[in-house]
């Protein structure tokens, strides 16, 4: 593609705007649900256990290399 007409450029710009809006809206919805989920102490405890396990696994992987 050596040339891009104004119409094609505008089509691509509109498509990008629509896709980015949809994706970022999904991220916002997931973040809001996660915020509501992690307000409980039980959920925070499970999150801490899970991330601690991941960190420990990474430490073991680094130590055994």
PDB file of N, CA and C in Angstrom:
ATOM      1  N   UNK A   1       0.846  -1.165   0.000  1.00  0.00           N
ATOM      2  CA  UNK A   1       0.000   0.000   0.000  1.00  0.00           C
ATOM      3  C   UNK A   1       0.898   1.237   0.000  1.00  0.00           C
ATOM      4  N   UNK A   2       0.883   1.965  -1.052  1.00  0.00           N
ATOM      5  CA  UNK A   2       1.733   3.149  -1.145  1.00  0.00           C
ATOM      6  C   UNK A   2       0.982   4.434  -0.835  1.00  0.00           C
ATOM      7  N   UNK A   3      -0.316   4.439  -1.032  1.00  0.00           N
ATOM      8  CA  UNK A   3      -1.113   5.639  -0.778  1.00  0.00           C
ATOM      9  C   UNK A   3      -2.345   5.265   0.028  1.00  0.00           C
ATOM     10  N   UNK A   4      -2.732   6.185   0.862  1.00  0.00           N
ATOM     11  CA  UNK A   4      -3.926   5.993   1.676  1.00  0.00           C
ATOM     12  C   UNK A   4      -4.818   7.212   1.458  1.00  0.00           C
ATOM     13  N   UNK A   5      -5.992   6.957   0.909  1.00  0.00           N
ATOM     14  CA  UNK A   5      -6.897   8.081   0.634  1.00  0.00           C
ATOM     15  C   UNK A   5      -7.486   8.602   1.946  1.00  0.00           C
ATOM     16  N   UNK A   6      -8.032   9.779   1.895  1.00  0.00           N
ATOM     17  CA  UNK A   6      -8.638  10.389   3.075  1.00  0.00           C
ATOM     18  C   UNK A   6      -9.791   9.537   3.593  1.00  0.00           C
ATOM     19  N   UNK A   7     -10.579   8.992   2.685  1.00  0.00           N
ATOM     20  CA  UNK A   7     -11.710   8.148   3.083  1.00  0.00           C
ATOM     21  C   UNK A   7     -11.231   6.896   3.808  1.00  0.00           C
ATOM     22  N   UNK A   8     -10.208   6.247   3.276  1.00  0.00           N
ATOM     23  CA  UNK A   8      -9.672   5.041   3.922  1.00  0.00           C
ATOM     24  C   UNK A   8      -9.080   5.379   5.282  1.00  0.00           C
ATOM     25  N   UNK A   9      -8.391   6.503   5.369  1.00  0.00           N
ATOM     26  CA  UNK A   9      -7.829   6.930   6.645  1.00  0.00           C
ATOM     27  C   UNK A   9      -8.926   7.162   7.681  1.00  0.00           C
ATOM     28  N   UNK A  10      -9.987   7.831   7.286  1.00  0.00           N
ATOM     29  CA  UNK A  10     -11.099   8.088   8.205  1.00  0.00           C
ATOM     30  C   UNK A  10     -11.783   6.789   8.621  1.00  0.00           C
ATOM     31  N   UNK A  11     -11.923   5.843   7.703  1.00  0.00           N
ATOM     32  CA  UNK A  11     -12.514   4.550   8.044  1.00  0.00           C
ATOM     33  C   UNK A  11     -11.664   3.840   9.093  1.00  0.00           C
ATOM     34  N   UNK A  12     -10.368   3.823   8.888  1.00  0.00           N
ATOM     35  CA  UNK A  12      -9.467   3.171   9.841  1.00  0.00           C
ATOM     36  C   UNK A  12      -9.526   3.874  11.196  1.00  0.00           C
ATOM     37  N   UNK A  13      -9.561   5.204  11.190  1.00  0.00           N
ATOM     38  CA  UNK A  13      -9.621   5.969  12.432  1.00  0.00           C
ATOM     39  C   UNK A  13     -10.904   5.669  13.204  1.00  0.00           C
ATOM     40  N   UNK A  14     -12.027   5.601  12.504  1.00  0.00           N
ATOM     41  CA  UNK A  14     -13.307   5.311  13.165  1.00  0.00           C
ATOM     42  C   UNK A  14     -13.306   3.893  13.727  1.00  0.00           C
ATOM     43  N   UNK A  15     -12.806   2.945  12.967  1.00  0.00           N
ATOM     44  CA  UNK A  15     -12.742   1.558  13.432  1.00  0.00           C
ATOM     45  C   UNK A  15     -11.868   1.457  14.679  1.00  0.00           C
ATOM     46  N   UNK A  16     -10.730   2.134  14.661  1.00  0.00           N
ATOM     47  CA  UNK A  16      -9.848   2.104  15.827  1.00  0.00           C
ATOM     48  C   UNK A  16     -10.523   2.714  17.045  1.00  0.00           C
ATOM     49  N   UNK A  17     -11.235   3.805  16.861  1.00  0.00           N
ATOM     50  CA  UNK A  17     -11.936   4.444  17.978  1.00  0.00           C
ATOM     51  C   UNK A  17     -12.999   3.522  18.560  1.00  0.00           C
ATOM     52  N   UNK A  18     -13.742   2.857  17.703  1.00  0.00           N
ATOM     53  CA  UNK A  18     -14.789   1.949  18.177  1.00  0.00           C
ATOM     54  C   UNK A  18     -14.183   0.770  18.936  1.00  0.00           C
ATOM     55  N   UNK A  19     -13.145   0.171  18.377  1.00  0.00           N
ATOM     56  CA  UNK A  19     -12.523  -0.988  19.015  1.00  0.00           C
ATOM     57  C   UNK A  19     -11.888  -0.596  20.343  1.00  0.00           C
ATOM     58  N   UNK A  20     -11.151   0.511  20.365  1.00  0.00           N
ATOM     59  CA  UNK A  20     -10.515   0.944  21.615  1.00  0.00           C
ATOM     60  C   UNK A  20     -11.549   1.281  22.682  1.00  0.00           C
ATOM     61  N   UNK A  21     -12.638   1.914  22.293  1.00  0.00           N
ATOM     62  CA  UNK A  21     -13.695   2.225  23.253  1.00  0.00           C
ATOM     63  C   UNK A  21     -14.287   0.949  23.839  1.00  0.00           C
ATOM     64  N   UNK A  22     -14.527  -0.052  23.009  1.00  0.00           N
ATOM     65  CA  UNK A  22     -15.093  -1.310  23.485  1.00  0.00           C
ATOM     66  C   UNK A  22     -14.127  -2.023  24.429  1.00  0.00           C
ATOM     67  N   UNK A  23     -12.865  -2.100  24.046  1.00  0.00           N
ATOM     68  CA  UNK A  23     -11.886  -2.815  24.871  1.00  0.00           C
ATOM     69  C   UNK A  23     -11.673  -2.106  26.197  1.00  0.00           C
ATOM     70  N   UNK A  24     -11.492  -0.798  26.166  1.00  0.00           N
ATOM     71  CA  UNK A  24     -11.261  -0.056  27.405  1.00  0.00           C
ATOM     72  C   UNK A  24     -12.495  -0.053  28.302  1.00  0.00           C
ATOM     73  N   UNK A  25     -13.681  -0.102  27.716  1.00  0.00           N
ATOM     74  CA  UNK A  25     -14.901  -0.210  28.515  1.00  0.00           C
ATOM     75  C   UNK A  25     -14.957  -1.558  29.227  1.00  0.00           C
ATOM     76  N   UNK A  26     -14.543  -2.600  28.546  1.00  0.00           N
ATOM     77  CA  UNK A  26     -14.489  -3.920  29.180  1.00  0.00           C
ATOM     78  C   UNK A  26     -13.503  -3.919  30.339  1.00  0.00           C
ATOM     79  N   UNK A  27     -12.340  -3.289  30.153  1.00  0.00           N
ATOM     80  CA  UNK A  27     -11.365  -3.184  31.243  1.00  0.00           C
ATOM     81  C   UNK A  27     -11.963  -2.449  32.435  1.00  0.00           C
ATOM     82  N   UNK A  28     -12.697  -1.386  32.187  1.00  0.00           N
ATOM     83  CA  UNK A  28     -13.298  -0.610  33.269  1.00  0.00           C
ATOM     84  C   UNK A  28     -14.334  -1.435  34.030  1.00  0.00           C
ATOM     85  N   UNK A  29     -15.138  -2.205  33.303  1.00  0.00           N
ATOM     86  CA  UNK A  29     -16.145  -3.047  33.955  1.00  0.00           C
ATOM     87  C   UNK A  29     -15.474  -4.116  34.813  1.00  0.00           C
ATOM     88  N   UNK A  30     -14.444  -4.754  34.287  1.00  0.00           N
ATOM     89  CA  UNK A  30     -13.732  -5.787  35.048  1.00  0.00           C
ATOM     90  C   UNK A  30     -13.065  -5.171  36.281  1.00  0.00           C
ATOM     91  N   UNK A  31     -12.477  -3.997  36.144  1.00  0.00           N
ATOM     92  CA  UNK A  31     -11.827  -3.337  37.280  1.00  0.00           C
ATOM     93  C   UNK A  31     -12.848  -2.981  38.360  1.00  0.00           C
ATOM     94  N   UNK A  32     -14.010  -2.540  37.948  1.00  0.00           N
ATOM     95  CA  UNK A  32     -15.044  -2.195  38.935  1.00  0.00           C
ATOM     96  C   UNK A  32     -15.510  -3.438  39.685  1.00  0.00           C
ATOM     97  N   UNK A  33     -15.698  -4.527  38.960  1.00  0.00           N
ATOM     98  CA  UNK A  33     -16.111  -5.766  39.624  1.00  0.00           C
ATOM     99  C   UNK A  33     -15.019  -6.292  40.547  1.00  0.00           C
ATOM    100  N   UNK A  34     -13.775  -6.169  40.117  1.00  0.00           N
ATOM    101  CA  UNK A  34     -12.666  -6.615  40.965  1.00  0.00           C
ATOM    102  C   UNK A  34     -12.584  -5.762  42.226  1.00  0.00           C
ATOM    103  N   UNK A  35     -12.790  -4.467  42.084  1.00  0.00           N
ATOM    104  CA  UNK A  35     -12.772  -3.595  43.258  1.00  0.00           C
ATOM    105  C   UNK A  35     -13.854  -3.993  44.253  1.00  0.00           C
ATOM    106  N   UNK A  36     -15.040  -4.277  43.757  1.00  0.00           N
ATOM    107  CA  UNK A  36     -16.118  -4.708  44.644  1.00  0.00           C
ATOM    108  C   UNK A  36     -15.815  -6.064  45.279  1.00  0.00           C
ATOM    109  N   UNK A  37     -15.184  -6.946  44.511  1.00  0.00           N
ATOM    110  CA  UNK A  37     -14.864  -8.272  45.039  1.00  0.00           C
ATOM    111  C   UNK A  37     -13.834  -8.197  46.149  1.00  0.00           C
ATOM    112  N   UNK A  38     -12.812  -7.373  45.959  1.00  0.00           N
ATOM    113  CA  UNK A  38     -11.706  -7.355  46.907  1.00  0.00           C
ATOM    114  C   UNK A  38     -11.932  -6.425  48.089  1.00  0.00           C
ATOM    115  N   UNK A  39     -13.145  -6.055  48.320  1.00  0.00           N
ATOM    116  CA  UNK A  39     -13.467  -5.294  49.529  1.00  0.00           C
ATOM    117  C   UNK A  39     -13.628  -6.203  50.731  1.00  0.00           C
ATOM    118  N   UNK A  40     -13.907  -7.476  50.500  1.00  0.00           N
ATOM    119  CA  UNK A  40     -14.088  -8.392  51.629  1.00  0.00           C
ATOM    120  C   UNK A  40     -12.733  -8.915  52.102  1.00  0.00           C
ATOM    121  N   UNK A  41     -12.619  -9.122  53.401  1.00  0.00           N
ATOM    122  CA  UNK A  41     -11.365  -9.610  53.983  1.00  0.00           C
ATOM    123  C   UNK A  41     -11.025 -11.009  53.488  1.00  0.00           C
ATOM    124  N   UNK A  42     -12.032 -11.829  53.270  1.00  0.00           N
ATOM    125  CA  UNK A  42     -11.798 -13.180  52.771  1.00  0.00           C
ATOM    126  C   UNK A  42     -11.178 -13.159  51.374  1.00  0.00           C
ATOM    127  N   UNK A  43     -11.689 -12.313  50.517  1.00  0.00           N
ATOM    128  CA  UNK A  43     -11.153 -12.222  49.161  1.00  0.00           C
ATOM    129  C   UNK A  43      -9.726 -11.687  49.177  1.00  0.00           C
ATOM    130  N   UNK A  44      -9.455 -10.717  50.042  1.00  0.00           N
ATOM    131  CA  UNK A  44      -8.096 -10.179  50.152  1.00  0.00           C
ATOM    132  C   UNK A  44      -7.143 -11.251  50.661  1.00  0.00           C
ATOM    133  N   UNK A  45      -7.575 -12.045  51.597  1.00  0.00           N
ATOM    134  CA  UNK A  45      -6.742 -13.128  52.122  1.00  0.00           C
ATOM    135  C   UNK A  45      -6.395 -14.125  51.014  1.00  0.00           C
ATOM    136  N   UNK A  46      -7.396 -14.497  50.200  1.00  0.00           N
ATOM    137  CA  UNK A  46      -7.130 -15.436  49.098  1.00  0.00           C
ATOM    138  C   UNK A  46      -6.227 -14.818  48.039  1.00  0.00           C
ATOM    139  N   UNK A  47      -6.398 -13.538  47.785  1.00  0.00           N
ATOM    140  CA  UNK A  47      -5.532 -12.842  46.840  1.00  0.00           C
ATOM    141  C   UNK A  47      -4.082 -12.835  47.341  1.00  0.00           C
ATOM    142  N   UNK A  48      -3.900 -12.553  48.626  1.00  0.00           N
ATOM    143  CA  UNK A  48      -2.557 -12.554  49.195  1.00  0.00           C
ATOM    144  C   UNK A  48      -1.932 -13.944  49.142  1.00  0.00           C
ATOM    145  N   UNK A  49      -2.706 -14.960  49.414  1.00  0.00           N
ATOM    146  CA  UNK A  49      -2.179 -16.328  49.337  1.00  0.00           C
ATOM    147  C   UNK A  49      -1.786 -16.689  47.913  1.00  0.00           C
ATOM    148  N   UNK A  50      -2.619 -16.318  46.975  1.00  0.00           N
ATOM    149  CA  UNK A  50      -2.329 -16.631  45.579  1.00  0.00           C
ATOM    150  C   UNK A  50      -1.091 -15.913  45.068  1.00  0.00           C
ATOM    151  N   UNK A  51      -0.995 -14.626  45.358  1.00  0.00           N
ATOM    152  CA  UNK A  51       0.178 -13.885  44.901  1.00  0.00           C
ATOM    153  C   UNK A  51       1.430 -14.327  45.633  1.00  0.00           C
ATOM    154  N   UNK A  52       1.301 -14.701  46.894  1.00  0.00           N
ATOM    155  CA  UNK A  52       2.449 -15.237  47.633  1.00  0.00           C
ATOM    156  C   UNK A  52       2.942 -16.537  47.022  1.00  0.00           C
ATOM    157  N   UNK A  53       2.020 -17.372  46.592  1.00  0.00           N
ATOM    158  CA  UNK A  53       2.394 -18.630  45.950  1.00  0.00           C
ATOM    159  C   UNK A  53       3.116 -18.371  44.631  1.00  0.00           C
ATOM    160  N   UNK A  54       2.630 -17.414  43.870  1.00  0.00           N
ATOM    161  CA  UNK A  54       3.274 -17.076  42.591  1.00  0.00           C
ATOM    162  C   UNK A  54       4.688 -16.548  42.831  1.00  0.00           C
ATOM    163  N   UNK A  55       4.849 -15.684  43.819  1.00  0.00           N
ATOM    164  CA  UNK A  55       6.164 -15.134  44.123  1.00  0.00           C
ATOM    165  C   UNK A  55       7.108 -16.229  44.595  1.00  0.00           C
ATOM    166  N   UNK A  56       6.620 -17.121  45.440  1.00  0.00           N
ATOM    167  CA  UNK A  56       7.451 -18.230  45.911  1.00  0.00           C
ATOM    168  C   UNK A  56       7.850 -19.133  44.749  1.00  0.00           C
ATOM    169  N   UNK A  57       6.920 -19.396  43.846  1.00  0.00           N
ATOM    170  CA  UNK A  57       7.237 -20.206  42.675  1.00  0.00           C
ATOM    171  C   UNK A  57       8.280 -19.543  41.790  1.00  0.00           C
ATOM    172  N   UNK A  58       8.172 -18.232  41.634  1.00  0.00           N
ATOM    173  CA  UNK A  58       9.167 -17.502  40.843  1.00  0.00           C
ATOM    174  C   UNK A  58      10.535 -17.556  41.525  1.00  0.00           C
ATOM    175  N   UNK A  59      10.561 -17.442  42.832  1.00  0.00           N
ATOM    176  CA  UNK A  59      11.824 -17.514  43.571  1.00  0.00           C
ATOM    177  C   UNK A  59      12.466 -18.884  43.411  1.00  0.00           C
ATOM    178  N   UNK A  60      11.675 -19.931  43.458  1.00  0.00           N
ATOM    179  CA  UNK A  60      12.192 -21.285  43.279  1.00  0.00           C
ATOM    180  C   UNK A  60      12.726 -21.458  41.859  1.00  0.00           C
ATOM    181  N   UNK A  61      11.988 -20.941  40.880  1.00  0.00           N
ATOM    182  CA  UNK A  61      12.431 -21.047  39.486  1.00  0.00           C
ATOM    183  C   UNK A  61      13.758 -20.321  39.277  1.00  0.00           C
ATOM    184  N   UNK A  62      13.910 -19.152  39.875  1.00  0.00           N
ATOM    185  CA  UNK A  62      15.157 -18.409  39.735  1.00  0.00           C
ATOM    186  C   UNK A  62      16.292 -19.123  40.466  1.00  0.00           C
ATOM    187  N   UNK A  63      16.002 -19.670  41.650  1.00  0.00           N
ATOM    188  CA  UNK A  63      17.033 -20.327  42.446  1.00  0.00           C
ATOM    189  C   UNK A  63      17.539 -21.622  41.799  1.00  0.00           C
ATOM    190  N   UNK A  64      16.694 -22.292  41.038  1.00  0.00           N
ATOM    191  CA  UNK A  64      17.099 -23.572  40.453  1.00  0.00           C
ATOM    192  C   UNK A  64      17.739 -23.414  39.091  1.00  0.00           C
ATOM    193  N   UNK A  65      17.860 -22.232  38.582  1.00  0.00           N
ATOM    194  CA  UNK A  65      18.482 -22.027  37.263  1.00  0.00           C
ATOM    195  C   UNK A  65      19.956 -22.008  37.375  1.00  0.00           C
TER     196      UNK A  65
END
